[in-house]
Amino acid sequence: MSCSKIKLGLNQNIGFIDGSDLYNYFETLFDYGSAGPPGYLVFNNVDYTNQANLKKMAEMQVQLATLNGSVISPVFSWVTPF
């Protein structure tokens, strides 16, 4: 399993069309949200058919949810229902 480090400060709106629902949502969140921007874990070159990889990814979700001082629950992941 591999992880890439993305520098902090990546503008999430860079991939959205100006005026789209997601663009407007993130602009509003940035302007008025006190919780800060959402965080993403991006994985590349992962074999999603390997159960060990899926288990590790699900464990990361659980560990992130326990960081009460810096991560606000809930932590969503597509891995657990998959």
N, C-alpha and C. Protein backbone atom coordinates (compact mmCIF):
# COMPACT_ATOMS: atom_id res chain seq x y z
N MET A 1 0.85 -1.16 0.00
CA MET A 1 0.00 0.00 0.00
C MET A 1 0.90 1.23 0.00
N SER A 2 0.52 2.25 -0.72
CA SER A 2 1.35 3.45 -0.78
C SER A 2 0.53 4.69 -0.48
N CYS A 3 1.19 5.69 0.03
CA CYS A 3 0.55 6.98 0.31
C CYS A 3 1.42 8.08 -0.29
N SER A 4 0.76 9.11 -0.76
CA SER A 4 1.47 10.29 -1.24
C SER A 4 1.16 11.44 -0.32
N LYS A 5 2.11 12.31 -0.10
CA LYS A 5 1.89 13.46 0.75
C LYS A 5 1.49 14.64 -0.12
N ILE A 6 0.34 15.20 0.21
CA ILE A 6 -0.13 16.40 -0.49
C ILE A 6 0.11 17.57 0.46
N LYS A 7 0.71 18.61 -0.05
CA LYS A 7 1.02 19.76 0.78
C LYS A 7 -0.26 20.40 1.29
N LEU A 8 -0.19 20.91 2.53
CA LEU A 8 -1.32 21.63 3.10
C LEU A 8 -1.59 22.87 2.29
N GLY A 9 -2.84 23.26 2.25
CA GLY A 9 -3.20 24.46 1.53
C GLY A 9 -3.70 24.20 0.13
N LEU A 10 -3.87 22.95 -0.24
CA LEU A 10 -4.40 22.63 -1.56
C LEU A 10 -5.82 23.16 -1.66
N ASN A 11 -6.09 23.97 -2.64
CA ASN A 11 -7.41 24.54 -2.82
C ASN A 11 -8.33 23.49 -3.42
N GLN A 12 -9.35 23.08 -2.66
CA GLN A 12 -10.23 22.02 -3.13
C GLN A 12 -11.07 22.47 -4.32
N ASN A 13 -11.24 23.76 -4.52
CA ASN A 13 -12.06 24.23 -5.64
C ASN A 13 -11.36 24.18 -6.98
N ILE A 14 -10.10 23.83 -6.99
CA ILE A 14 -9.35 23.82 -8.24
C ILE A 14 -9.91 22.81 -9.24
N GLY A 15 -10.55 21.76 -8.73
CA GLY A 15 -11.09 20.73 -9.61
C GLY A 15 -12.57 20.89 -9.93
N PHE A 16 -13.20 21.98 -9.46
CA PHE A 16 -14.63 22.16 -9.67
C PHE A 16 -14.88 23.31 -10.64
N ILE A 17 -16.02 23.26 -11.30
CA ILE A 17 -16.43 24.30 -12.22
C ILE A 17 -16.94 25.49 -11.41
N ASP A 18 -16.47 26.68 -11.74
CA ASP A 18 -16.90 27.89 -11.05
C ASP A 18 -18.42 28.02 -11.13
N GLY A 19 -19.05 28.16 -9.96
CA GLY A 19 -20.51 28.28 -9.91
C GLY A 19 -21.24 26.97 -9.71
N SER A 20 -20.52 25.83 -9.75
CA SER A 20 -21.18 24.54 -9.52
C SER A 20 -21.58 24.41 -8.06
N ASP A 21 -22.43 23.45 -7.76
CA ASP A 21 -22.89 23.26 -6.39
C ASP A 21 -21.74 22.98 -5.43
N LEU A 22 -20.81 22.09 -5.83
CA LEU A 22 -19.68 21.79 -4.96
C LEU A 22 -18.76 22.99 -4.80
N TYR A 23 -18.55 23.74 -5.86
CA TYR A 23 -17.72 24.93 -5.78
C TYR A 23 -18.33 25.91 -4.78
N ASN A 24 -19.63 26.16 -4.93
CA ASN A 24 -20.31 27.10 -4.03
C ASN A 24 -20.31 26.59 -2.59
N TYR A 25 -20.47 25.27 -2.41
CA TYR A 25 -20.44 24.70 -1.07
C TYR A 25 -19.10 24.97 -0.39
N PHE A 26 -18.01 24.68 -1.08
CA PHE A 26 -16.70 24.88 -0.49
C PHE A 26 -16.37 26.35 -0.29
N GLU A 27 -16.84 27.22 -1.18
CA GLU A 27 -16.65 28.65 -0.99
C GLU A 27 -17.37 29.13 0.27
N THR A 28 -18.60 28.64 0.47
CA THR A 28 -19.36 29.00 1.67
C THR A 28 -18.69 28.44 2.91
N LEU A 29 -18.23 27.20 2.83
CA LEU A 29 -17.54 26.59 3.96
C LEU A 29 -16.29 27.38 4.31
N PHE A 30 -15.55 27.80 3.30
CA PHE A 30 -14.33 28.58 3.53
C PHE A 30 -14.65 29.93 4.15
N ASP A 31 -15.71 30.59 3.65
CA ASP A 31 -16.07 31.92 4.14
C ASP A 31 -16.66 31.90 5.54
N TYR A 32 -17.52 30.91 5.82
CA TYR A 32 -18.28 30.93 7.06
C TYR A 32 -18.00 29.79 8.02
N GLY A 33 -17.31 28.76 7.57
CA GLY A 33 -17.08 27.60 8.43
C GLY A 33 -15.99 27.85 9.45
N SER A 34 -16.27 27.51 10.68
CA SER A 34 -15.26 27.68 11.73
C SER A 34 -14.50 26.39 11.99
N ALA A 35 -14.93 25.31 11.39
CA ALA A 35 -14.30 24.02 11.62
C ALA A 35 -13.07 23.82 10.75
N GLY A 36 -12.92 24.65 9.74
CA GLY A 36 -11.79 24.49 8.83
C GLY A 36 -12.18 23.65 7.64
N PRO A 37 -11.27 23.51 6.72
CA PRO A 37 -11.58 22.76 5.50
C PRO A 37 -11.60 21.26 5.76
N PRO A 38 -12.29 20.53 4.90
CA PRO A 38 -12.28 19.08 5.05
C PRO A 38 -10.90 18.52 4.73
N GLY A 39 -10.60 17.38 5.31
CA GLY A 39 -9.33 16.72 5.03
C GLY A 39 -9.57 15.46 4.22
N TYR A 40 -8.66 15.15 3.37
CA TYR A 40 -8.78 13.98 2.51
C TYR A 40 -7.51 13.14 2.60
N LEU A 41 -7.68 11.84 2.60
CA LEU A 41 -6.55 10.93 2.41
C LEU A 41 -6.67 10.39 0.99
N VAL A 42 -5.64 10.58 0.22
CA VAL A 42 -5.64 10.14 -1.17
C VAL A 42 -4.60 9.04 -1.31
N PHE A 43 -5.05 7.91 -1.81
CA PHE A 43 -4.17 6.75 -1.99
C PHE A 43 -3.97 6.52 -3.48
N ASN A 44 -2.78 6.11 -3.85
CA ASN A 44 -2.56 5.72 -5.24
C ASN A 44 -1.84 4.38 -5.28
N ASN A 45 -1.98 3.71 -6.38
CA ASN A 45 -1.37 2.40 -6.59
C ASN A 45 -1.75 1.41 -5.49
N VAL A 46 -3.04 1.38 -5.16
CA VAL A 46 -3.53 0.47 -4.13
C VAL A 46 -4.33 -0.64 -4.80
N ASP A 47 -4.07 -1.85 -4.41
CA ASP A 47 -4.83 -3.00 -4.89
C ASP A 47 -6.06 -3.15 -4.00
N TYR A 48 -7.21 -2.68 -4.49
CA TYR A 48 -8.43 -2.70 -3.70
C TYR A 48 -9.05 -4.09 -3.60
N THR A 49 -8.52 -5.04 -4.33
CA THR A 49 -9.01 -6.41 -4.19
C THR A 49 -8.29 -7.15 -3.07
N ASN A 50 -7.22 -6.56 -2.55
CA ASN A 50 -6.46 -7.16 -1.45
C ASN A 50 -7.14 -6.80 -0.13
N GLN A 51 -7.67 -7.80 0.56
CA GLN A 51 -8.40 -7.56 1.81
C GLN A 51 -7.53 -6.93 2.89
N ALA A 52 -6.25 -7.23 2.90
CA ALA A 52 -5.35 -6.64 3.89
C ALA A 52 -5.26 -5.12 3.71
N ASN A 53 -5.22 -4.67 2.45
CA ASN A 53 -5.19 -3.23 2.19
C ASN A 53 -6.47 -2.56 2.65
N LEU A 54 -7.62 -3.18 2.37
CA LEU A 54 -8.90 -2.62 2.79
C LEU A 54 -8.99 -2.55 4.31
N LYS A 55 -8.47 -3.57 4.97
CA LYS A 55 -8.49 -3.59 6.44
C LYS A 55 -7.64 -2.45 7.00
N LYS A 56 -6.45 -2.24 6.41
CA LYS A 56 -5.59 -1.14 6.87
C LYS A 56 -6.25 0.21 6.66
N MET A 57 -6.92 0.38 5.54
CA MET A 57 -7.60 1.64 5.26
C MET A 57 -8.75 1.87 6.24
N ALA A 58 -9.49 0.82 6.58
CA ALA A 58 -10.57 0.93 7.56
C ALA A 58 -10.01 1.26 8.95
N GLU A 59 -8.87 0.68 9.29
CA GLU A 59 -8.22 1.00 10.57
C GLU A 59 -7.79 2.46 10.63
N MET A 60 -7.34 3.01 9.50
CA MET A 60 -6.97 4.43 9.47
C MET A 60 -8.18 5.30 9.77
N GLN A 61 -9.33 4.92 9.23
CA GLN A 61 -10.55 5.68 9.49
C GLN A 61 -10.87 5.69 10.99
N VAL A 62 -10.76 4.54 11.62
CA VAL A 62 -11.05 4.43 13.05
C VAL A 62 -10.06 5.27 13.85
N GLN A 63 -8.78 5.20 13.49
CA GLN A 63 -7.76 5.98 14.20
C GLN A 63 -7.98 7.49 14.03
N LEU A 64 -8.36 7.91 12.83
CA LEU A 64 -8.63 9.33 12.61
C LEU A 64 -9.81 9.81 13.45
N ALA A 65 -10.81 8.97 13.60
CA ALA A 65 -11.99 9.35 14.38
C ALA A 65 -11.67 9.52 15.86
N THR A 66 -10.57 8.93 16.33
CA THR A 66 -10.20 9.06 17.74
C THR A 66 -9.40 10.32 18.03
N LEU A 67 -9.04 11.08 17.01
CA LEU A 67 -8.28 12.31 17.19
C LEU A 67 -9.24 13.46 17.50
N ASN A 68 -9.90 13.40 18.64
CA ASN A 68 -10.94 14.35 19.00
C ASN A 68 -10.46 15.79 19.05
N GLY A 69 -9.19 16.01 19.37
CA GLY A 69 -8.69 17.37 19.47
C GLY A 69 -8.49 18.06 18.14
N SER A 70 -8.30 17.30 17.07
CA SER A 70 -8.02 17.93 15.79
C SER A 70 -8.90 17.46 14.64
N VAL A 71 -9.63 16.38 14.81
CA VAL A 71 -10.53 15.88 13.77
C VAL A 71 -11.94 15.85 14.34
N ILE A 72 -12.84 16.50 13.64
CA ILE A 72 -14.23 16.55 14.09
C ILE A 72 -14.99 15.39 13.46
N SER A 73 -15.66 14.62 14.29
CA SER A 73 -16.45 13.48 13.80
C SER A 73 -17.69 13.99 13.09
N PRO A 74 -18.24 13.21 12.19
CA PRO A 74 -17.86 11.86 11.81
C PRO A 74 -16.78 11.86 10.74
N VAL A 75 -16.08 10.75 10.66
CA VAL A 75 -15.09 10.52 9.62
C VAL A 75 -15.72 9.53 8.64
N PHE A 76 -15.86 9.94 7.39
CA PHE A 76 -16.49 9.10 6.38
C PHE A 76 -15.46 8.37 5.54
N SER A 77 -15.80 7.16 5.16
CA SER A 77 -14.94 6.37 4.30
C SER A 77 -15.81 5.43 3.47
N TRP A 78 -15.42 5.23 2.24
CA TRP A 78 -16.16 4.30 1.39
C TRP A 78 -15.67 2.87 1.62
N VAL A 79 -14.56 2.71 2.31
CA VAL A 79 -13.94 1.39 2.46
C VAL A 79 -14.77 0.47 3.33
N THR A 80 -15.28 0.97 4.46
CA THR A 80 -16.00 0.11 5.40
C THR A 80 -17.24 -0.51 4.77
N PRO A 81 -18.12 0.25 4.10
CA PRO A 81 -19.27 -0.40 3.48
C PRO A 81 -18.91 -1.28 2.28
N PHE A 82 -17.74 -0.99 1.67
CA PHE A 82 -17.31 -1.77 0.50
C PHE A 82 -16.98 -3.17 0.95
